[in-house]
């Protein structure tokens, strides 16, 4: 838990983005009068984006735990 301070911001940002993507998907898919395919796309695309955010968070946590320097600090 010594790296907890470095992990707080990525976790909070990921939670906010996942909630945003889920909210967008649910609100857009609940619009009446849209074709079925369009409703499916409004669910699938934000879901994929949320999954990608979670994968990026897991990679970032692995990087923090392995005590590697941030990518930007190398330049």
PDB file of N, CA and C in Angstrom:
ATOM      1  N   UNK A   1       0.815  -1.207   0.000  1.00  0.00           N
ATOM      2  CA  UNK A   1       0.000   0.000   0.000  1.00  0.00           C
ATOM      3  C   UNK A   1       0.857   1.269   0.000  1.00  0.00           C
ATOM      4  N   UNK A   2       2.169   1.133  -0.205  1.00  0.00           N
ATOM      5  CA  UNK A   2       3.006   2.322  -0.191  1.00  0.00           C
ATOM      6  C   UNK A   2       2.812   3.183  -1.443  1.00  0.00           C
ATOM      7  N   UNK A   3       2.219   2.613  -2.480  1.00  0.00           N
ATOM      8  CA  UNK A   3       1.978   3.356  -3.718  1.00  0.00           C
ATOM      9  C   UNK A   3       0.533   3.826  -3.820  1.00  0.00           C
ATOM     10  N   UNK A   4      -0.188   3.796  -2.719  1.00  0.00           N
ATOM     11  CA  UNK A   4      -1.612   4.109  -2.755  1.00  0.00           C
ATOM     12  C   UNK A   4      -1.881   5.525  -3.247  1.00  0.00           C
ATOM     13  N   UNK A   5      -1.061   6.481  -2.860  1.00  0.00           N
ATOM     14  CA  UNK A   5      -1.266   7.870  -3.276  1.00  0.00           C
ATOM     15  C   UNK A   5      -1.160   8.030  -4.787  1.00  0.00           C
ATOM     16  N   UNK A   6      -0.281   7.247  -5.417  1.00  0.00           N
ATOM     17  CA  UNK A   6      -0.130   7.319  -6.871  1.00  0.00           C
ATOM     18  C   UNK A   6      -1.292   6.637  -7.588  1.00  0.00           C
ATOM     19  N   UNK A   7      -1.981   5.717  -6.904  1.00  0.00           N
ATOM     20  CA  UNK A   7      -3.070   4.974  -7.537  1.00  0.00           C
ATOM     21  C   UNK A   7      -4.436   5.638  -7.379  1.00  0.00           C
ATOM     22  N   UNK A   8      -4.562   6.589  -6.478  1.00  0.00           N
ATOM     23  CA  UNK A   8      -5.865   7.194  -6.207  1.00  0.00           C
ATOM     24  C   UNK A   8      -6.414   7.924  -7.433  1.00  0.00           C
ATOM     25  N   UNK A   9      -5.630   8.771  -8.033  1.00  0.00           N
ATOM     26  CA  UNK A   9      -6.110   9.562  -9.177  1.00  0.00           C
ATOM     27  C   UNK A   9      -6.530   8.685 -10.361  1.00  0.00           C
ATOM     28  N   UNK A  10      -5.721   7.703 -10.784  1.00  0.00           N
ATOM     29  CA  UNK A  10      -6.178   6.864 -11.898  1.00  0.00           C
ATOM     30  C   UNK A  10      -7.465   6.092 -11.577  1.00  0.00           C
ATOM     31  N   UNK A  11      -7.605   5.647 -10.343  1.00  0.00           N
ATOM     32  CA  UNK A  11      -8.809   4.905  -9.957  1.00  0.00           C
ATOM     33  C   UNK A  11     -10.032   5.808 -10.009  1.00  0.00           C
ATOM     34  N   UNK A  12      -9.912   7.009  -9.481  1.00  0.00           N
ATOM     35  CA  UNK A  12     -11.048   7.946  -9.480  1.00  0.00           C
ATOM     36  C   UNK A  12     -11.425   8.334 -10.906  1.00  0.00           C
ATOM     37  N   UNK A  13     -10.436   8.639 -11.727  1.00  0.00           N
ATOM     38  CA  UNK A  13     -10.704   9.017 -13.116  1.00  0.00           C
ATOM     39  C   UNK A  13     -11.367   7.864 -13.867  1.00  0.00           C
ATOM     40  N   UNK A  14     -10.893   6.649 -13.641  1.00  0.00           N
ATOM     41  CA  UNK A  14     -11.491   5.488 -14.310  1.00  0.00           C
ATOM     42  C   UNK A  14     -12.937   5.289 -13.874  1.00  0.00           C
ATOM     43  N   UNK A  15     -13.210   5.414 -12.601  1.00  0.00           N
ATOM     44  CA  UNK A  15     -14.583   5.265 -12.109  1.00  0.00           C
ATOM     45  C   UNK A  15     -15.488   6.315 -12.740  1.00  0.00           C
ATOM     46  N   UNK A  16     -15.020   7.554 -12.802  1.00  0.00           N
ATOM     47  CA  UNK A  16     -15.832   8.617 -13.392  1.00  0.00           C
ATOM     48  C   UNK A  16     -16.102   8.366 -14.876  1.00  0.00           C
ATOM     49  N   UNK A  17     -15.072   7.954 -15.620  1.00  0.00           N
ATOM     50  CA  UNK A  17     -15.255   7.691 -17.044  1.00  0.00           C
ATOM     51  C   UNK A  17     -16.173   6.496 -17.287  1.00  0.00           C
ATOM     52  N   UNK A  18     -16.029   5.438 -16.493  1.00  0.00           N
ATOM     53  CA  UNK A  18     -16.891   4.261 -16.656  1.00  0.00           C
ATOM     54  C   UNK A  18     -18.342   4.640 -16.371  1.00  0.00           C
ATOM     55  N   UNK A  19     -18.581   5.400 -15.317  1.00  0.00           N
ATOM     56  CA  UNK A  19     -19.945   5.859 -15.026  1.00  0.00           C
ATOM     57  C   UNK A  19     -20.485   6.736 -16.153  1.00  0.00           C
ATOM     58  N   UNK A  20     -19.634   7.573 -16.702  1.00  0.00           N
ATOM     59  CA  UNK A  20     -20.031   8.436 -17.819  1.00  0.00           C
ATOM     60  C   UNK A  20     -20.417   7.601 -19.037  1.00  0.00           C
ATOM     61  N   UNK A  21     -19.570   6.630 -19.400  1.00  0.00           N
ATOM     62  CA  UNK A  21     -19.847   5.798 -20.572  1.00  0.00           C
ATOM     63  C   UNK A  21     -21.116   4.968 -20.380  1.00  0.00           C
ATOM     64  N   UNK A  22     -21.296   4.422 -19.185  1.00  0.00           N
ATOM     65  CA  UNK A  22     -22.509   3.642 -18.915  1.00  0.00           C
ATOM     66  C   UNK A  22     -23.733   4.546 -18.976  1.00  0.00           C
ATOM     67  N   UNK A  23     -23.629   5.733 -18.415  1.00  0.00           N
ATOM     68  CA  UNK A  23     -24.745   6.683 -18.457  1.00  0.00           C
ATOM     69  C   UNK A  23     -25.101   7.095 -19.871  1.00  0.00           C
ATOM     70  N   UNK A  24     -24.090   7.374 -20.669  1.00  0.00           N
ATOM     71  CA  UNK A  24     -24.334   7.725 -22.078  1.00  0.00           C
ATOM     72  C   UNK A  24     -25.022   6.577 -22.799  1.00  0.00           C
ATOM     73  N   UNK A  25     -24.512   5.373 -22.603  1.00  0.00           N
ATOM     74  CA  UNK A  25     -25.084   4.212 -23.269  1.00  0.00           C
ATOM     75  C   UNK A  25     -26.525   3.966 -22.881  1.00  0.00           C
ATOM     76  N   UNK A  26     -26.813   4.043 -21.596  1.00  0.00           N
ATOM     77  CA  UNK A  26     -28.182   3.799 -21.134  1.00  0.00           C
ATOM     78  C   UNK A  26     -29.140   4.902 -21.565  1.00  0.00           C
ATOM     79  N   UNK A  27     -28.690   6.143 -21.487  1.00  0.00           N
ATOM     80  CA  UNK A  27     -29.587   7.242 -21.846  1.00  0.00           C
ATOM     81  C   UNK A  27     -29.862   7.274 -23.350  1.00  0.00           C
ATOM     82  N   UNK A  28     -28.854   7.015 -24.161  1.00  0.00           N
ATOM     83  CA  UNK A  28     -29.057   7.037 -25.609  1.00  0.00           C
ATOM     84  C   UNK A  28     -29.864   5.840 -26.096  1.00  0.00           C
ATOM     85  N   UNK A  29     -29.708   4.696 -25.426  1.00  0.00           N
ATOM     86  CA  UNK A  29     -30.449   3.513 -25.857  1.00  0.00           C
ATOM     87  C   UNK A  29     -31.905   3.548 -25.415  1.00  0.00           C
ATOM     88  N   UNK A  30     -32.235   4.430 -24.487  1.00  0.00           N
ATOM     89  CA  UNK A  30     -33.615   4.503 -24.013  1.00  0.00           C
ATOM     90  C   UNK A  30     -34.466   5.485 -24.829  1.00  0.00           C
ATOM     91  N   UNK A  31     -33.885   6.120 -25.827  1.00  0.00           N
ATOM     92  CA  UNK A  31     -34.628   7.058 -26.672  1.00  0.00           C
ATOM     93  C   UNK A  31     -35.609   6.265 -27.537  1.00  0.00           C
ATOM     94  N   UNK A  32     -36.849   6.652 -27.496  1.00  0.00           N
ATOM     95  CA  UNK A  32     -37.877   5.964 -28.285  1.00  0.00           C
ATOM     96  C   UNK A  32     -37.744   6.340 -29.758  1.00  0.00           C
ATOM     97  N   UNK A  33     -38.066   5.432 -30.620  1.00  0.00           N
ATOM     98  CA  UNK A  33     -38.081   5.701 -32.053  1.00  0.00           C
ATOM     99  C   UNK A  33     -36.784   5.432 -32.775  1.00  0.00           C
ATOM    100  N   UNK A  34     -35.747   5.019 -32.050  1.00  0.00           N
ATOM    101  CA  UNK A  34     -34.480   4.693 -32.702  1.00  0.00           C
ATOM    102  C   UNK A  34     -34.534   3.260 -33.231  1.00  0.00           C
ATOM    103  N   UNK A  35     -33.900   3.007 -34.355  1.00  0.00           N
ATOM    104  CA  UNK A  35     -33.831   1.631 -34.853  1.00  0.00           C
ATOM    105  C   UNK A  35     -33.073   0.734 -33.873  1.00  0.00           C
ATOM    106  N   UNK A  36     -33.390  -0.560 -33.920  1.00  0.00           N
ATOM    107  CA  UNK A  36     -32.788  -1.529 -32.992  1.00  0.00           C
ATOM    108  C   UNK A  36     -31.263  -1.552 -33.111  1.00  0.00           C
ATOM    109  N   UNK A  37     -30.750  -1.539 -34.332  1.00  0.00           N
ATOM    110  CA  UNK A  37     -29.303  -1.580 -34.538  1.00  0.00           C
ATOM    111  C   UNK A  37     -28.613  -0.371 -33.913  1.00  0.00           C
ATOM    112  N   UNK A  38     -29.240   0.774 -34.023  1.00  0.00           N
ATOM    113  CA  UNK A  38     -28.660   1.988 -33.445  1.00  0.00           C
ATOM    114  C   UNK A  38     -28.661   1.903 -31.915  1.00  0.00           C
ATOM    115  N   UNK A  39     -29.712   1.333 -31.337  1.00  0.00           N
ATOM    116  CA  UNK A  39     -29.737   1.164 -29.883  1.00  0.00           C
ATOM    117  C   UNK A  39     -28.637   0.218 -29.420  1.00  0.00           C
ATOM    118  N   UNK A  40     -28.424  -0.846 -30.184  1.00  0.00           N
ATOM    119  CA  UNK A  40     -27.359  -1.788 -29.840  1.00  0.00           C
ATOM    120  C   UNK A  40     -25.997  -1.100 -29.907  1.00  0.00           C
ATOM    121  N   UNK A  41     -25.772  -0.286 -30.935  1.00  0.00           N
ATOM    122  CA  UNK A  41     -24.508   0.446 -31.056  1.00  0.00           C
ATOM    123  C   UNK A  41     -24.309   1.416 -29.894  1.00  0.00           C
ATOM    124  N   UNK A  42     -25.399   2.033 -29.435  1.00  0.00           N
ATOM    125  CA  UNK A  42     -25.303   2.957 -28.302  1.00  0.00           C
ATOM    126  C   UNK A  42     -25.002   2.238 -26.999  1.00  0.00           C
ATOM    127  N   UNK A  43     -25.171   0.933 -26.969  1.00  0.00           N
ATOM    128  CA  UNK A  43     -24.809   0.157 -25.785  1.00  0.00           C
ATOM    129  C   UNK A  43     -23.408  -0.428 -25.947  1.00  0.00           C
ATOM    130  N   UNK A  44     -23.103  -0.951 -27.133  1.00  0.00           N
ATOM    131  CA  UNK A  44     -21.842  -1.658 -27.355  1.00  0.00           C
ATOM    132  C   UNK A  44     -20.642  -0.706 -27.340  1.00  0.00           C
ATOM    133  N   UNK A  45     -20.722   0.398 -28.030  1.00  0.00           N
ATOM    134  CA  UNK A  45     -19.571   1.306 -28.134  1.00  0.00           C
ATOM    135  C   UNK A  45     -19.164   1.875 -26.768  1.00  0.00           C
ATOM    136  N   UNK A  46     -20.076   2.423 -25.974  1.00  0.00           N
ATOM    137  CA  UNK A  46     -19.648   2.887 -24.648  1.00  0.00           C
ATOM    138  C   UNK A  46     -19.166   1.755 -23.743  1.00  0.00           C
ATOM    139  N   UNK A  47     -19.735   0.561 -23.899  1.00  0.00           N
ATOM    140  CA  UNK A  47     -19.270  -0.582 -23.101  1.00  0.00           C
ATOM    141  C   UNK A  47     -17.833  -0.941 -23.442  1.00  0.00           C
ATOM    142  N   UNK A  48     -17.508  -0.935 -24.713  1.00  0.00           N
ATOM    143  CA  UNK A  48     -16.124  -1.213 -25.132  1.00  0.00           C
ATOM    144  C   UNK A  48     -15.184  -0.143 -24.591  1.00  0.00           C
ATOM    145  N   UNK A  49     -15.612   1.101 -24.631  1.00  0.00           N
ATOM    146  CA  UNK A  49     -14.778   2.193 -24.118  1.00  0.00           C
ATOM    147  C   UNK A  49     -14.564   2.049 -22.615  1.00  0.00           C
ATOM    148  N   UNK A  50     -15.593   1.620 -21.886  1.00  0.00           N
ATOM    149  CA  UNK A  50     -15.458   1.406 -20.442  1.00  0.00           C
ATOM    150  C   UNK A  50     -14.494   0.263 -20.160  1.00  0.00           C
ATOM    151  N   UNK A  51     -14.574  -0.808 -20.939  1.00  0.00           N
ATOM    152  CA  UNK A  51     -13.658  -1.942 -20.760  1.00  0.00           C
ATOM    153  C   UNK A  51     -12.221  -1.515 -21.034  1.00  0.00           C
ATOM    154  N   UNK A  52     -12.022  -0.706 -22.062  1.00  0.00           N
ATOM    155  CA  UNK A  52     -10.677  -0.215 -22.377  1.00  0.00           C
ATOM    156  C   UNK A  52     -10.140   0.640 -21.224  1.00  0.00           C
ATOM    157  N   UNK A  53     -10.981   1.466 -20.638  1.00  0.00           N
ATOM    158  CA  UNK A  53     -10.548   2.283 -19.494  1.00  0.00           C
ATOM    159  C   UNK A  53     -10.113   1.397 -18.327  1.00  0.00           C
ATOM    160  N   UNK A  54     -10.829   0.314 -18.088  1.00  0.00           N
ATOM    161  CA  UNK A  54     -10.474  -0.591 -16.991  1.00  0.00           C
ATOM    162  C   UNK A  54      -9.161  -1.298 -17.281  1.00  0.00           C
ATOM    163  N   UNK A  55      -8.949  -1.713 -18.533  1.00  0.00           N
ATOM    164  CA  UNK A  55      -7.691  -2.356 -18.909  1.00  0.00           C
ATOM    165  C   UNK A  55      -6.521  -1.392 -18.742  1.00  0.00           C
ATOM    166  N   UNK A  56      -6.713  -0.149 -19.133  1.00  0.00           N
ATOM    167  CA  UNK A  56      -5.660   0.859 -18.975  1.00  0.00           C
ATOM    168  C   UNK A  56      -5.365   1.085 -17.488  1.00  0.00           C
ATOM    169  N   UNK A  57      -6.402   1.087 -16.657  1.00  0.00           N
ATOM    170  CA  UNK A  57      -6.197   1.247 -15.217  1.00  0.00           C
ATOM    171  C   UNK A  57      -5.378   0.093 -14.658  1.00  0.00           C
ATOM    172  N   UNK A  58      -5.695  -1.127 -15.051  1.00  0.00           N
ATOM    173  CA  UNK A  58      -4.947  -2.287 -14.570  1.00  0.00           C
ATOM    174  C   UNK A  58      -3.482  -2.187 -14.982  1.00  0.00           C
ATOM    175  N   UNK A  59      -3.230  -1.787 -16.226  1.00  0.00           N
ATOM    176  CA  UNK A  59      -1.850  -1.619 -16.685  1.00  0.00           C
ATOM    177  C   UNK A  59      -1.132  -0.528 -15.898  1.00  0.00           C
ATOM    178  N   UNK A  60      -1.834   0.553 -15.613  1.00  0.00           N
ATOM    179  CA  UNK A  60      -1.225   1.654 -14.848  1.00  0.00           C
ATOM    180  C   UNK A  60      -0.896   1.211 -13.428  1.00  0.00           C
ATOM    181  N   UNK A  61      -1.764   0.442 -12.815  1.00  0.00           N
ATOM    182  CA  UNK A  61      -1.505  -0.046 -11.458  1.00  0.00           C
ATOM    183  C   UNK A  61      -0.306  -0.993 -11.458  1.00  0.00           C
ATOM    184  N   UNK A  62      -0.200  -1.852 -12.470  1.00  0.00           N
ATOM    185  CA  UNK A  62       0.970  -2.726 -12.579  1.00  0.00           C
ATOM    186  C   UNK A  62       2.248  -1.915 -12.715  1.00  0.00           C
ATOM    187  N   UNK A  63       2.187  -0.839 -13.503  1.00  0.00           N
ATOM    188  CA  UNK A  63       3.352   0.022 -13.695  1.00  0.00           C
ATOM    189  C   UNK A  63       3.737   0.712 -12.390  1.00  0.00           C
ATOM    190  N   UNK A  64       2.761   1.166 -11.647  1.00  0.00           N
ATOM    191  CA  UNK A  64       3.053   1.842 -10.377  1.00  0.00           C
ATOM    192  C   UNK A  64       3.651   0.858  -9.382  1.00  0.00           C
ATOM    193  N   UNK A  65       3.096  -0.335  -9.322  1.00  0.00           N
ATOM    194  CA  UNK A  65       3.605  -1.334  -8.374  1.00  0.00           C
ATOM    195  C   UNK A  65       5.008  -1.803  -8.732  1.00  0.00           C
ATOM    196  N   UNK A  66       5.337  -1.819  -9.997  1.00  0.00           N
ATOM    197  CA  UNK A  66       6.676  -2.252 -10.387  1.00  0.00           C
ATOM    198  C   UNK A  66       7.688  -1.125 -10.234  1.00  0.00           C
ATOM    199  N   UNK A  67       7.227   0.020  -9.776  1.00  0.00           N
ATOM    200  CA  UNK A  67       8.060   1.181  -9.470  1.00  0.00           C
ATOM    201  C   UNK A  67       8.819   1.695 -10.681  1.00  0.00           C
ATOM    202  N   UNK A  68       8.248   1.548 -11.860  1.00  0.00           N
ATOM    203  CA  UNK A  68       8.855   2.140 -13.039  1.00  0.00           C
ATOM    204  C   UNK A  68       8.540   3.629 -13.040  1.00  0.00           C
ATOM    205  N   UNK A  69       9.373   4.367 -13.688  1.00  0.00           N
ATOM    206  CA  UNK A  69       9.134   5.792 -13.807  1.00  0.00           C
ATOM    207  C   UNK A  69       7.975   6.034 -14.763  1.00  0.00           C
ATOM    208  N   UNK A  70       7.325   7.151 -14.586  1.00  0.00           N
ATOM    209  CA  UNK A  70       6.260   7.520 -15.510  1.00  0.00           C
ATOM    210  C   UNK A  70       6.839   7.715 -16.907  1.00  0.00           C
ATOM    211  N   UNK A  71       6.019   7.466 -17.913  1.00  0.00           N
ATOM    212  CA  UNK A  71       6.484   7.622 -19.296  1.00  0.00           C
ATOM    213  C   UNK A  71       6.963   9.034 -19.592  1.00  0.00           C
ATOM    214  N   UNK A  72       6.285  10.029 -19.042  1.00  0.00           N
ATOM    215  CA  UNK A  72       6.661  11.409 -19.340  1.00  0.00           C
ATOM    216  C   UNK A  72       7.979  11.816 -18.685  1.00  0.00           C
ATOM    217  N   UNK A  73       8.314  11.197 -17.566  1.00  0.00           N
ATOM    218  CA  UNK A  73       9.534  11.596 -16.887  1.00  0.00           C
ATOM    219  C   UNK A  73      10.784  11.059 -17.604  1.00  0.00           C
ATOM    220  N   UNK A  74      10.627  10.179 -18.574  1.00  0.00           N
ATOM    221  CA  UNK A  74      11.762   9.656 -19.313  1.00  0.00           C
ATOM    222  C   UNK A  74      12.263  10.641 -20.361  1.00  0.00           C
ATOM    223  N   UNK A  75      11.451  11.637 -20.667  1.00  0.00           N
ATOM    224  CA  UNK A  75      11.815  12.556 -21.735  1.00  0.00           C
ATOM    225  C   UNK A  75      12.219  13.902 -21.214  1.00  0.00           C
TER     226      UNK A  75
END
